[in-house]
Amino acid sequence: MTADLQKGGMGLQGCLLGLLALIITGKCSYSPEPDQQWTLPPGWVSLGRVDPEEELSLTFALRQRNVDKLSELLLLSGAEFHRYVGGPAATRVVRSPHPYQLPQALAPHVDFVGGLHRFPPISSLRQRPEPQVAGTVGLHLGVTPSVIRKRYNLTAQDVGSGTTNNSQACAQFLEQYFHDSDLAEFMRLFGSNFPHQSSVARVIGKQGRGRAGIEASLDVEYLMSAGANISTWVYSSPGRHEGQEPFLQWLLLLSNESTLPHVHTVSYGDDEDSLSSAYIQRVNTEFMKAAARGITLLFASGDSGAGCWSVSGRHQFRPSFPASSPYVTTVGGTSFQNPFLVTNEIVDYISGGGFSNVFPRPSYQEEAVTQFLNTSPHLPPQSYFNASGRAYPDVAALSDGYWVVSNRVPIPWVSGTSASTPVFGGLLSLVNEHRLLSGRPPLGFLNPRLYQQHGAGLFDVTHGCHESCLNEEVEGQGFCSGPGWDPVTGWGTPNFPALLKTLLNP
């Protein structure tokens, strides 16, 4: 929910009546977010207190209980609103330097109030940057839909039939938008050898104006070329949560819809430590709901390898969220062993992966992760990662050297797990097509099945390591791939005929 502060009062617009009596009376208790910091982070400067008449936007996350109605909140006791500026881009935000309080009777029903304290990370105000674009073309044409289809053994007949109620979706955040004209041009250039659709079936949310983003263009073009001829929706969420992706806003939109696409791919993420634990847990609850509804959610593993940050002067790897959620399928990245040929795949050194510092290892991956930890000859020091945490990614696909059309211009050598994620999602949509045609339900939450079947239907990627901290102990290397599952490429990349055979049966 989003609340507006205006002229000394604050109301939750569009909410039902209900807890008014609890709100008006009662003592205040402290914020339900114990991990919030009240000191100003380095790199931020105060510009003074905000005018009391100015409108602000906050997020009130009601706990997942039988709380139906909320009419009105007083001004949040204890909070003061000030302007701050920070970062290379001189980003301006409004935050409170003091903890907020809630009426005691209301506090048990609220997970958190977002937009009050947490500052966007200075290191990357856009935590999920646009995919990397190299400056030169090199000696080959790069990855196109034809290359994807050849490597993963798809034929021209491996497309949607148009006779099922099958659909897929991707999400766009951070003011990223695609253009229909770019999609049409992309399909004209690269889609001549397989049936496909050249326009998005539905856009949910506000589709902004102006230049297209490479990220959004990439997601739509490769979801629709991998999952060819399948109805595709785009969820466009404006605004940000504390300067980062509005994941909860998007998930609540999904929760409020009765009919949804079966597969959703998301190429965005944030460092786990950049988000409050209350926010992470609430978003994870929404992932659980989606899994219970039979929705397959795929997230990019990130483009920073194992990541790196310093805690009390000691280096540690830096996991990414939502990639680290146990209720999503996380996609890592690979590149061709011979960059000039369609060959076996090795690790793309940027492929995100590691172990969550928030979520414990789920039971479905206990055997695979234990096997990796006991047999890998290249494990980093254990002080760098939480070996008992949820390990990711689960699978992988090519993430290096893609062609993308954005603003009517073909752009070569776009790289990142932003590319591998929609590709893998599109192939799962093709599996769903066969399941629906044979009277079976869509795949739904995929992870338990992936681990139970030990990655059957996937090419095992066994060569290469990804990047991490540059220091004497690990020399810039995080984890390395090996036989079976690993925290760089998961179980591996898709071999479509074998994957279809594995996933077709209940």
Protein backbone atom coordinates (compact mmCIF):
# COMPACT_ATOMS: atom_id res chain seq x y z
CA MET A 1 0.00 0.00 0.00
CA THR A 2 1.13 3.53 -0.65
CA ALA A 3 0.22 6.37 1.68
CA ASP A 4 0.36 10.10 0.97
CA LEU A 5 1.31 12.63 3.64
CA GLN A 6 -0.34 15.96 3.01
CA LYS A 7 -1.23 19.04 5.11
CA GLY A 8 -0.52 17.45 8.45
CA GLY A 9 -2.52 14.25 7.87
CA MET A 10 -1.88 10.91 6.23
CA GLY A 11 -4.37 8.46 4.72
CA LEU A 12 -4.16 5.07 3.04
CA GLN A 13 -6.03 5.66 -0.20
CA GLY A 14 -8.25 2.91 -1.53
CA CYS A 15 -8.24 0.84 1.68
CA LEU A 16 -11.29 -0.63 3.40
CA LEU A 17 -12.56 0.46 6.81
CA GLY A 18 -11.65 -1.51 9.87
CA LEU A 19 -8.85 -0.80 12.32
CA LEU A 20 -9.78 2.81 12.99
CA ALA A 21 -10.53 2.24 16.65
CA LEU A 22 -7.14 0.60 17.17
CA ILE A 23 -5.32 3.42 15.45
CA ILE A 24 -6.83 6.42 17.19
CA THR A 25 -6.00 5.26 20.71
CA GLY A 26 -3.12 3.48 22.38
CA LYS A 27 0.55 3.95 23.16
CA CYS A 28 3.26 3.79 20.53
CA SER A 29 5.85 1.04 20.15
CA TYR A 30 9.04 1.13 18.11
CA SER A 31 9.42 0.20 14.48
CA PRO A 32 9.15 -3.50 13.53
CA GLU A 33 12.41 -3.12 11.57
CA PRO A 34 15.23 -3.71 14.10
CA ASP A 35 17.97 -3.71 11.48
CA GLN A 36 17.42 -0.10 10.42
CA GLN A 37 20.33 2.28 11.00
CA TRP A 38 19.75 5.77 12.33
CA THR A 39 23.14 7.19 11.34
CA LEU A 40 23.55 8.86 7.96
CA PRO A 41 25.49 6.56 5.56
CA PRO A 42 28.80 7.87 4.17
CA GLY A 43 28.35 9.93 1.01
CA TRP A 44 24.99 11.47 1.94
CA VAL A 45 24.44 15.10 2.96
CA SER A 46 21.38 16.55 4.68
CA LEU A 47 19.56 19.36 2.86
CA GLY A 48 17.26 20.18 5.76
CA ARG A 49 13.84 19.18 7.00
CA VAL A 50 10.93 18.78 4.59
CA ASP A 51 8.08 21.29 4.61
CA PRO A 52 5.15 19.83 6.65
CA GLU A 53 2.79 20.60 3.73
CA GLU A 54 4.76 18.56 1.20
CA GLU A 55 3.31 15.28 -0.08
CA LEU A 56 5.38 12.14 0.49
CA SER A 57 4.94 8.52 -0.51
CA LEU A 58 5.40 5.68 2.01
CA THR A 59 4.70 1.95 1.86
CA PHE A 60 2.72 0.28 4.65
CA ALA A 61 3.06 -3.50 4.48
CA LEU A 62 0.27 -5.14 6.44
CA ARG A 63 1.12 -8.48 7.99
CA GLN A 64 -0.34 -11.54 6.37
CA ARG A 65 -3.09 -12.15 8.89
CA ASN A 66 -6.82 -11.60 8.74
CA VAL A 67 -6.42 -7.85 8.57
CA ASP A 68 -9.05 -6.63 6.10
CA LYS A 69 -9.41 -2.97 6.60
CA LEU A 70 -7.44 0.12 7.34
CA SER A 71 -8.85 3.61 7.12
CA GLU A 72 -6.51 6.14 8.62
CA LEU A 73 -3.14 6.48 10.33
CA LEU A 74 -2.00 9.46 12.49
CA LEU A 75 1.28 11.00 11.61
CA LEU A 76 3.96 8.57 12.53
CA SER A 77 5.17 9.41 15.99
CA GLY A 78 8.89 10.11 16.26
CA ALA A 79 9.58 10.49 12.54
CA GLU A 80 10.87 13.72 11.01
CA PHE A 81 11.32 14.12 7.28
CA HIS A 82 14.49 15.68 5.85
CA ARG A 83 16.02 15.96 2.40
CA TYR A 84 19.33 14.26 1.61
CA VAL A 85 21.61 14.11 -1.41
CA GLY A 86 24.27 11.53 -2.18
CA GLY A 87 26.06 9.43 -4.72
CA PRO A 88 27.84 10.22 -8.00
CA ALA A 89 24.52 11.11 -9.61
CA ALA A 90 23.59 13.48 -6.74
CA THR A 91 20.46 11.45 -6.05
CA ARG A 92 17.97 13.19 -3.76
CA VAL A 93 15.75 11.35 -1.28
CA VAL A 94 13.49 12.21 1.64
CA ARG A 95 14.15 10.19 4.81
CA SER A 96 13.67 10.38 8.57
CA PRO A 97 16.81 10.53 10.77
CA HIS A 98 14.76 9.26 13.73
CA PRO A 99 12.96 5.92 14.28
CA TYR A 100 9.24 5.85 13.63
CA GLN A 101 6.67 4.51 16.10
CA LEU A 102 3.29 2.87 15.64
CA PRO A 103 0.34 2.62 18.01
CA GLN A 104 0.76 -0.52 20.10
CA ALA A 105 -2.56 -1.91 18.91
CA LEU A 106 -1.57 -1.48 15.26
CA ALA A 107 2.08 -2.59 15.41
CA PRO A 108 1.35 -6.37 15.40
CA HIS A 109 -0.44 -5.97 12.07
CA VAL A 110 2.32 -4.09 10.18
CA ASP A 111 5.47 -5.72 8.81
CA PHE A 112 7.24 -2.46 8.00
CA VAL A 113 6.81 1.10 6.74
CA GLY A 114 9.04 1.60 3.72
CA GLY A 115 10.51 4.89 2.53
CA LEU A 116 11.46 6.22 5.96
CA HIS A 117 15.05 5.27 6.73
CA ARG A 118 16.97 3.07 4.29
CA PHE A 119 19.16 4.89 1.74
CA PRO A 120 19.95 3.52 -1.75
CA PRO A 121 23.45 1.97 -1.85
CA ILE A 122 26.01 4.57 -2.90
CA SER A 123 27.99 1.97 -4.85
CA SER A 124 25.16 1.36 -7.32
CA LEU A 125 22.07 3.51 -7.07
CA ARG A 126 20.68 1.35 -9.86
CA GLN A 127 21.50 -1.94 -8.19
CA ARG A 128 20.71 -3.86 -11.35
CA PRO A 129 22.55 -1.92 -14.09
CA GLU A 130 21.79 -2.17 -17.77
CA PRO A 131 23.54 -5.15 -19.37
CA GLN A 132 27.13 -4.59 -20.43
CA VAL A 133 27.67 -3.53 -24.04
CA ALA A 134 31.14 -4.02 -25.50
CA GLY A 135 32.63 -1.46 -27.84
CA THR A 136 33.68 -3.64 -30.76
CA VAL A 137 31.98 -6.26 -32.87
CA GLY A 138 34.73 -8.92 -32.83
CA LEU A 139 34.99 -11.80 -35.28
CA HIS A 140 31.51 -13.35 -35.24
CA LEU A 141 27.90 -12.26 -35.32
CA GLY A 142 27.16 -13.00 -31.69
CA VAL A 143 24.18 -14.66 -30.01
CA THR A 144 20.86 -14.43 -31.84
CA PRO A 145 17.65 -16.50 -31.57
CA SER A 146 19.03 -18.86 -34.23
CA VAL A 147 22.17 -19.45 -32.16
CA ILE A 148 20.06 -20.09 -29.04
CA ARG A 149 17.85 -22.54 -30.91
CA LYS A 150 20.82 -24.37 -32.40
CA ARG A 151 22.72 -24.69 -29.12
CA TYR A 152 19.69 -25.85 -27.15
CA ASN A 153 18.44 -28.20 -29.90
CA LEU A 154 15.15 -26.55 -30.81
CA THR A 155 13.61 -27.14 -34.22
CA ALA A 156 11.39 -24.79 -36.20
CA GLN A 157 8.43 -26.77 -34.84
CA ASP A 158 9.34 -26.04 -31.20
CA VAL A 159 7.01 -23.07 -30.84
CA GLY A 160 3.65 -22.33 -29.31
CA SER A 161 0.66 -23.87 -31.05
CA GLY A 162 -1.75 -20.99 -30.52
CA THR A 163 -4.42 -23.46 -29.39
CA THR A 164 -3.74 -23.48 -25.64
CA ASN A 165 -4.35 -20.95 -22.91
CA ASN A 166 -0.60 -20.56 -22.47
CA SER A 167 1.17 -17.32 -21.65
CA GLN A 168 4.43 -15.96 -20.26
CA ALA A 169 5.51 -12.63 -18.78
CA CYS A 170 8.45 -10.45 -17.89
CA ALA A 171 8.67 -7.44 -15.57
CA GLN A 172 10.31 -4.07 -16.18
CA PHE A 173 11.42 -1.75 -13.35
CA LEU A 174 13.66 1.29 -12.80
CA GLU A 175 12.07 3.35 -15.58
CA GLN A 176 12.99 0.71 -18.16
CA TYR A 177 10.57 0.37 -21.10
CA PHE A 178 10.43 -1.56 -24.36
CA HIS A 179 9.14 -0.32 -27.71
CA ASP A 180 6.81 -2.34 -29.94
CA SER A 181 8.71 -1.07 -32.97
CA ASP A 182 11.98 -2.52 -31.59
CA LEU A 183 10.36 -5.90 -31.08
CA ALA A 184 8.98 -5.91 -34.62
CA GLU A 185 12.39 -4.97 -36.05
CA PHE A 186 14.13 -7.61 -33.92
CA MET A 187 11.81 -10.32 -35.22
CA ARG A 188 12.26 -9.07 -38.80
CA LEU A 189 16.04 -9.35 -38.47
CA PHE A 190 16.36 -12.50 -36.40
CA GLY A 191 13.06 -14.41 -36.47
CA SER A 192 12.78 -15.55 -40.08
CA ASN A 193 13.36 -19.26 -39.44
CA PHE A 194 10.68 -20.01 -36.83
CA PRO A 195 7.02 -19.00 -36.25
CA HIS A 196 6.72 -16.17 -33.77
CA GLN A 197 4.64 -13.24 -32.56
CA SER A 198 5.86 -9.70 -33.19
CA SER A 199 3.85 -7.82 -30.57
CA VAL A 200 3.19 -8.14 -26.84
CA ALA A 201 -0.29 -9.39 -25.98
CA ARG A 202 -0.78 -7.26 -22.85
CA VAL A 203 1.04 -4.54 -20.92
CA ILE A 204 -0.01 -4.33 -17.27
CA GLY A 205 0.92 -1.03 -15.70
CA LYS A 206 2.19 2.22 -17.13
CA GLN A 207 4.35 1.99 -20.24
CA GLY A 208 6.55 5.09 -20.12
CA ARG A 209 7.51 7.38 -22.95
CA GLY A 210 10.91 8.27 -24.27
CA ARG A 211 13.82 6.06 -25.24
CA ALA A 212 13.66 2.32 -24.84
CA GLY A 213 15.98 0.66 -22.33
CA ILE A 214 18.40 -2.06 -23.38
CA GLU A 215 17.35 -4.13 -20.35
CA ALA A 216 13.65 -4.03 -21.19
CA SER A 217 14.28 -4.59 -24.90
CA LEU A 218 16.47 -7.61 -24.15
CA ASP A 219 13.93 -9.20 -21.81
CA VAL A 220 11.00 -8.95 -24.20
CA GLU A 221 12.89 -9.92 -27.36
CA TYR A 222 14.49 -13.07 -25.98
CA LEU A 223 11.50 -14.25 -23.94
CA MET A 224 9.41 -14.03 -27.13
CA SER A 225 12.02 -15.65 -29.37
CA ALA A 226 12.87 -18.52 -26.98
CA GLY A 227 9.22 -19.04 -26.00
CA ALA A 228 8.24 -18.40 -29.61
CA ASN A 229 4.63 -17.92 -30.65
CA ILE A 230 3.40 -17.85 -27.04
CA SER A 231 1.26 -15.00 -25.72
CA THR A 232 3.50 -12.62 -23.76
CA TRP A 233 2.61 -10.06 -21.11
CA VAL A 234 4.80 -7.26 -19.76
CA TYR A 235 4.38 -5.97 -16.20
CA SER A 236 5.56 -2.37 -15.97
CA SER A 237 5.97 -1.05 -12.42
CA PRO A 238 6.78 2.66 -12.09
CA GLY A 239 8.43 4.13 -9.05
CA ARG A 240 10.92 2.57 -6.67
CA HIS A 241 11.10 1.10 -3.19
CA GLU A 242 13.65 3.18 -1.31
CA GLY A 243 15.50 3.90 -4.54
CA GLN A 244 15.48 0.28 -5.73
CA GLU A 245 13.12 -2.11 -7.52
CA PRO A 246 9.47 -2.10 -6.37
CA PHE A 247 9.31 -5.89 -6.05
CA LEU A 248 6.51 -5.84 -3.47
CA GLN A 249 4.38 -3.51 -5.58
CA TRP A 250 4.73 -5.89 -8.53
CA LEU A 251 3.98 -8.98 -6.43
CA LEU A 252 0.88 -7.45 -4.89
CA LEU A 253 -0.33 -6.71 -8.41
CA LEU A 254 0.08 -10.41 -9.21
CA SER A 255 -1.67 -11.43 -5.99
CA ASN A 256 -4.71 -9.34 -6.91
CA GLU A 257 -5.18 -10.96 -10.33
CA SER A 258 -7.19 -14.16 -10.74
CA THR A 259 -5.59 -15.18 -14.04
CA LEU A 260 -1.84 -14.95 -14.63
CA PRO A 261 0.77 -16.17 -17.12
CA HIS A 262 2.33 -19.48 -16.10
CA VAL A 263 5.97 -18.31 -16.33
CA HIS A 264 7.39 -14.96 -15.13
CA THR A 265 10.99 -13.87 -15.72
CA VAL A 266 12.66 -10.99 -13.86
CA SER A 267 16.12 -9.65 -14.71
CA TYR A 268 16.55 -7.41 -11.66
CA GLY A 269 17.96 -7.80 -8.16
CA ASP A 270 19.60 -6.08 -5.19
CA ASP A 271 22.27 -6.97 -2.66
CA GLU A 272 20.65 -8.77 0.28
CA ASP A 273 22.25 -6.37 2.74
CA SER A 274 20.81 -3.32 0.95
CA LEU A 275 17.25 -4.28 1.96
CA SER A 276 15.66 -4.50 5.38
CA SER A 277 14.98 -8.00 6.70
CA ALA A 278 11.30 -7.15 7.12
CA TYR A 279 11.01 -6.19 3.45
CA ILE A 280 12.88 -9.29 2.29
CA GLN A 281 10.68 -11.59 4.38
CA ARG A 282 7.49 -9.94 3.14
CA VAL A 283 8.57 -10.25 -0.50
CA ASN A 284 9.48 -13.87 0.15
CA THR A 285 5.98 -14.48 1.54
CA GLU A 286 4.57 -13.25 -1.77
CA PHE A 287 6.89 -15.66 -3.61
CA MET A 288 5.47 -18.49 -1.50
CA LYS A 289 1.96 -17.43 -2.49
CA ALA A 290 2.91 -17.43 -6.17
CA ALA A 291 4.45 -20.89 -5.86
CA ALA A 292 1.27 -22.15 -4.19
CA ARG A 293 -0.71 -20.84 -7.17
CA GLY A 294 1.37 -22.87 -9.62
CA ILE A 295 3.37 -19.96 -11.04
CA THR A 296 6.98 -20.42 -12.17
CA LEU A 297 9.13 -17.42 -11.14
CA LEU A 298 12.62 -17.05 -12.63
CA PHE A 299 15.14 -14.45 -11.46
CA ALA A 300 18.55 -13.49 -12.82
CA SER A 301 21.41 -14.49 -10.51
CA GLY A 302 23.21 -11.15 -11.03
CA ASP A 303 26.32 -9.99 -12.89
CA SER A 304 28.83 -9.62 -10.03
CA GLY A 305 29.93 -13.21 -9.55
CA ALA A 306 30.00 -14.05 -5.84
CA GLY A 307 29.98 -10.33 -5.04
CA CYS A 308 32.17 -8.71 -2.43
CA TRP A 309 31.86 -6.33 0.48
CA SER A 310 33.76 -5.49 3.62
CA VAL A 311 32.23 -6.19 7.03
CA SER A 312 34.19 -4.87 10.02
CA GLY A 313 37.30 -4.80 7.88
CA ARG A 314 36.89 -8.38 6.64
CA HIS A 315 35.91 -9.31 3.08
CA GLN A 316 32.81 -11.43 2.48
CA PHE A 317 30.88 -12.53 -0.58
CA ARG A 318 27.69 -10.56 -1.21
CA PRO A 319 24.55 -12.55 -2.10
CA SER A 320 21.76 -11.09 -4.20
CA PHE A 321 18.01 -10.99 -3.58
CA PRO A 322 15.52 -12.14 -4.92
CA ALA A 323 18.01 -14.59 -6.48
CA SER A 324 18.59 -16.00 -2.98
CA SER A 325 14.91 -16.71 -2.26
CA PRO A 326 14.18 -20.45 -1.92
CA TYR A 327 10.85 -19.96 -3.73
CA VAL A 328 12.18 -18.75 -7.09
CA THR A 329 14.23 -20.48 -9.77
CA THR A 330 17.48 -18.56 -10.25
CA VAL A 331 19.31 -18.46 -13.58
CA GLY A 332 23.07 -18.07 -13.91
CA GLY A 333 25.15 -17.37 -17.01
CA THR A 334 27.50 -19.14 -19.41
CA SER A 335 29.53 -18.36 -22.51
CA PHE A 336 30.74 -20.51 -25.40
CA GLN A 337 34.02 -22.33 -24.85
CA ASN A 338 35.02 -21.21 -28.34
CA PRO A 339 33.58 -17.70 -28.73
CA PHE A 340 33.45 -18.04 -32.52
CA LEU A 341 31.48 -21.30 -32.66
CA VAL A 342 28.34 -22.86 -31.23
CA THR A 343 30.23 -25.16 -28.85
CA ASN A 344 30.08 -26.45 -25.29
CA GLU A 345 29.54 -23.82 -22.61
CA ILE A 346 31.77 -22.67 -19.77
CA VAL A 347 31.15 -20.29 -16.88
CA ASP A 348 30.55 -16.66 -17.74
CA TYR A 349 32.78 -15.03 -15.12
CA ILE A 350 30.09 -12.48 -14.21
CA SER A 351 27.50 -15.16 -13.38
CA GLY A 352 26.05 -14.42 -9.94
CA GLY A 353 25.95 -17.21 -7.39
CA GLY A 354 26.61 -18.16 -3.81
CA PHE A 355 24.85 -18.67 -0.50
CA SER A 356 22.18 -16.56 1.18
CA ASN A 357 22.86 -14.82 4.48
CA VAL A 358 19.10 -14.60 5.12
CA PHE A 359 17.47 -17.86 4.05
CA PRO A 360 18.55 -21.31 5.29
CA ARG A 361 19.21 -24.07 2.81
CA PRO A 362 15.88 -25.60 1.70
CA SER A 363 15.48 -29.35 2.04
CA TYR A 364 15.09 -29.87 -1.71
CA GLN A 365 18.73 -28.89 -2.34
CA GLU A 366 20.34 -30.48 0.72
CA GLU A 367 21.87 -33.45 -1.13
CA ALA A 368 23.19 -31.45 -4.10
CA VAL A 369 24.77 -28.65 -2.07
CA THR A 370 26.31 -31.00 0.47
CA GLN A 371 27.84 -32.95 -2.40
CA PHE A 372 29.35 -29.77 -3.87
CA LEU A 373 30.77 -28.57 -0.56
CA ASN A 374 32.31 -31.97 0.17
CA THR A 375 33.91 -32.51 -3.23
CA SER A 376 34.82 -29.13 -4.76
CA PRO A 377 38.62 -28.71 -4.91
CA HIS A 378 38.37 -24.92 -5.23
CA LEU A 379 36.27 -23.78 -2.27
CA PRO A 380 36.96 -20.21 -1.04
CA PRO A 381 37.62 -19.68 2.68
CA GLN A 382 34.49 -20.55 4.67
CA SER A 383 34.56 -17.15 6.38
CA TYR A 384 33.51 -15.64 3.04
CA PHE A 385 30.12 -17.33 2.75
CA ASN A 386 27.30 -18.88 4.75
CA ALA A 387 27.58 -22.56 3.82
CA SER A 388 24.21 -23.34 5.44
CA GLY A 389 22.31 -20.73 3.41
CA ARG A 390 20.06 -21.17 0.38
CA ALA A 391 22.45 -21.78 -2.50
CA TYR A 392 21.93 -20.39 -5.99
CA PRO A 393 21.65 -20.39 -9.02
CA ASP A 394 19.54 -23.42 -9.89
CA VAL A 395 20.09 -23.44 -13.68
CA ALA A 396 21.89 -21.38 -16.32
CA ALA A 397 21.88 -20.35 -19.97
CA LEU A 398 24.04 -18.33 -22.34
CA SER A 399 24.62 -14.80 -21.04
CA ASP A 400 27.37 -13.44 -23.27
CA GLY A 401 27.39 -11.59 -26.60
CA TYR A 402 23.72 -11.05 -27.48
CA TRP A 403 22.25 -8.94 -30.28
CA VAL A 404 19.46 -6.61 -29.12
CA VAL A 405 17.38 -4.05 -30.99
CA SER A 406 16.75 -0.92 -28.93
CA ASN A 407 15.48 2.40 -30.30
CA ARG A 408 15.48 0.81 -33.77
CA VAL A 409 19.25 0.18 -33.59
CA PRO A 410 20.72 -3.36 -33.59
CA ILE A 411 23.23 -3.48 -30.72
CA PRO A 412 25.85 -6.27 -30.50
CA TRP A 413 27.56 -7.91 -27.53
CA VAL A 414 25.00 -7.29 -24.81
CA SER A 415 25.87 -9.53 -21.87
CA GLY A 416 24.43 -10.47 -18.50
CA THR A 417 22.14 -12.92 -16.73
CA SER A 418 19.42 -10.54 -17.90
CA ALA A 419 19.79 -12.48 -21.15
CA SER A 420 19.97 -16.01 -19.79
CA THR A 421 16.85 -15.59 -17.64
CA PRO A 422 14.26 -14.84 -20.36
CA VAL A 423 15.83 -17.52 -22.58
CA PHE A 424 15.37 -20.20 -19.93
CA GLY A 425 11.89 -18.87 -19.14
CA GLY A 426 10.86 -19.07 -22.79
CA LEU A 427 11.94 -22.71 -23.00
CA LEU A 428 9.91 -23.54 -19.88
CA SER A 429 6.91 -21.92 -21.60
CA LEU A 430 7.42 -24.35 -24.49
CA VAL A 431 7.41 -27.23 -21.99
CA ASN A 432 4.17 -25.86 -20.55
CA GLU A 433 2.73 -25.81 -24.07
CA HIS A 434 3.26 -29.56 -24.39
CA ARG A 435 1.91 -30.18 -20.89
CA LEU A 436 -1.26 -28.20 -21.59
CA LEU A 437 -1.79 -29.96 -24.93
CA SER A 438 -1.60 -33.32 -23.17
CA GLY A 439 -4.06 -32.28 -20.45
CA ARG A 440 -1.47 -31.73 -17.73
CA PRO A 441 -1.15 -28.64 -15.51
CA PRO A 442 1.70 -26.13 -16.03
CA LEU A 443 5.01 -26.74 -14.29
CA GLY A 444 4.53 -24.40 -11.35
CA PHE A 445 7.29 -24.15 -8.72
CA LEU A 446 10.19 -25.93 -10.42
CA ASN A 447 12.98 -26.24 -7.85
CA PRO A 448 12.00 -29.41 -5.93
CA ARG A 449 11.64 -31.26 -9.23
CA LEU A 450 14.98 -29.96 -10.59
CA TYR A 451 16.88 -31.20 -7.57
CA GLN A 452 14.95 -34.46 -7.24
CA GLN A 453 15.81 -35.30 -10.86
CA HIS A 454 19.44 -34.20 -10.42
CA GLY A 455 19.32 -31.76 -13.33
CA ALA A 456 18.10 -34.26 -15.91
CA GLY A 457 17.62 -32.65 -19.33
CA LEU A 458 20.39 -30.08 -18.81
CA PHE A 459 23.92 -29.74 -20.18
CA ASP A 460 26.27 -29.94 -17.19
CA VAL A 461 28.73 -27.01 -17.19
CA THR A 462 31.96 -28.14 -15.54
CA HIS A 463 34.62 -25.57 -16.48
CA GLY A 464 35.24 -22.06 -15.23
CA CYS A 465 34.95 -19.88 -12.13
CA HIS A 466 33.23 -16.59 -11.47
CA GLU A 467 34.65 -13.38 -10.06
CA SER A 468 34.57 -12.13 -6.47
CA CYS A 469 36.80 -10.23 -4.04
CA LEU A 470 40.21 -9.10 -5.25
CA ASN A 471 42.46 -9.85 -2.29
CA GLU A 472 45.26 -12.16 -1.23
CA GLU A 473 43.00 -14.90 0.11
CA VAL A 474 40.79 -15.60 -2.92
CA GLU A 475 42.61 -13.74 -5.72
CA GLY A 476 39.45 -12.49 -7.37
CA GLN A 477 37.91 -15.95 -7.67
CA GLY A 478 34.63 -17.00 -6.10
CA PHE A 479 33.22 -20.46 -6.75
CA CYS A 480 34.05 -22.81 -9.62
CA SER A 481 31.81 -25.10 -11.61
CA GLY A 482 32.11 -28.87 -11.48
CA PRO A 483 30.15 -32.07 -12.13
CA GLY A 484 26.54 -31.86 -10.99
CA TRP A 485 25.15 -28.79 -9.22
CA ASP A 486 27.40 -25.82 -8.41
CA PRO A 487 26.81 -22.22 -7.18
CA VAL A 488 27.90 -20.73 -10.51
CA THR A 489 25.75 -22.45 -13.17
CA GLY A 490 23.40 -24.57 -11.02
CA TRP A 491 22.51 -27.84 -12.74
CA GLY A 492 23.50 -26.46 -16.15
CA THR A 493 21.93 -25.21 -19.38
CA PRO A 494 18.93 -26.57 -21.30
CA ASN A 495 18.99 -29.42 -23.81
CA PHE A 496 15.43 -28.86 -24.92
CA PRO A 497 14.39 -32.32 -26.21
CA ALA A 498 15.80 -33.99 -23.08
CA LEU A 499 14.36 -31.28 -20.80
CA LEU A 500 10.95 -31.64 -22.41
CA LYS A 501 11.02 -35.42 -21.90
CA THR A 502 12.03 -34.98 -18.27
CA LEU A 503 9.45 -32.33 -17.42
CA LEU A 504 6.51 -33.52 -19.51
CA ASN A 505 5.30 -36.19 -17.12
CA PRO A 506 3.66 -35.28 -13.79
